[in-house]
Amino acid sequence: MASSTGNEKSVNPVLRISQLDALELNKALEQLVWSQFTSCFHGFKPGALSHFEPEVKAFLWLVLWRFTIYSKNATVGQAILNIQYKNNLSQTEKYQPLSKHQKLWYLIFTVGGRWLEERCYDLFSNRQLQSFCKIKHCINFAAGLLKLCGLLNFLVFLQKGTYATLTERILGIRSVFCKPQSVRQVGFEYMNRELLWHGFAEFLIYLLPLINVQKLKLKFFSWCLPIAGLSNSENTLAAHCKECSLCGEWPTMPHTIGCSHVFCYYCIKSNYLFDMYFTCPKCGSEVHSLQPLKYKIEMTELHA
């Protein structure tokens, strides 16, 4: 009774994007299984699996096939997306599970094909005999022909929406939904927020390099910490300016820019190279000329 009821399920075509998503999920699962398996051999000698890697992979894919296609008529990616394989060779429009022959041929085309490709590459990669070279050329030609057929099948799939892989088309198996899909209510509020945020972020990325942050900071400090202007004589500079107007320390190799303030040579030089329109943070004067201070400022003046 249960089997007859299951066979009478209606067929619901699968969207192209859902079929492609199922294929990507299958690839991600295979990579995850292989990475977890190889992590068990980290303590062994390096290259312990290299000689038997095609056989080990074939065994793992065989186990996956046993508990997915053979038992549930669906891969892991299809099961996540509520998709199953249907025997499209049957004349009825109702759901028909895959036959045993289709499941076995699916195993041969997928697992056996990948194993044969990897093993043949290892066998003929270092052989220099003429007979082996001919066999290698024939295998490469066959592999290229299969890839070309896979490309043509993918183009047909994009047009008609059935048989996402060449194996499915050869075996006559088709992806269908297990249950009828309800109409999805699509909301665009989240998309609008993402578009606004990305647009604002791109605007900031474009705008920030155009803003001279250093100059704005110096201008802000000149407004917040105004200092009365001193006389322009060099005697006054030597007597009163005992700290760099940029770093606040005792001036090292003191220099002036034409105003009544003193700077370390490296402080003023680096800022001027960074910004050719650099102005004094104390009084806002532009750099007219970078001149060393002629009168020596002695460290003993700190105690005066």
Foldseek 3Di string as FASTA:
>chain_A
DVVVVLQQAAWAADFLVLVVQLVVVLVVVLVVVVVVVVVVCPVPDPPPCVVPVLVVSLVVVVVQLCPACVPPQHHPSQVVVQKHKAQQVDPDRTGHGDDPVLSVVVSCVPSVVVSVVVVLCVVLVPDDDPVSVVVVVVVVVVVVVLVVVQVVVCVVCVVPVWDNGPSCVVRRMTMTGSDDDDDDDDDCPVVVVVVVVVVVVVVCVVCVVVDDPVQVVLQVLQVVDADDFDDQDLVRLLQPAQAAQPPRHGADQWKDQRGSYIHHPVVVVVVCVVPVQDARSHPRHGRPDIGGRPDDRDPVSVVD
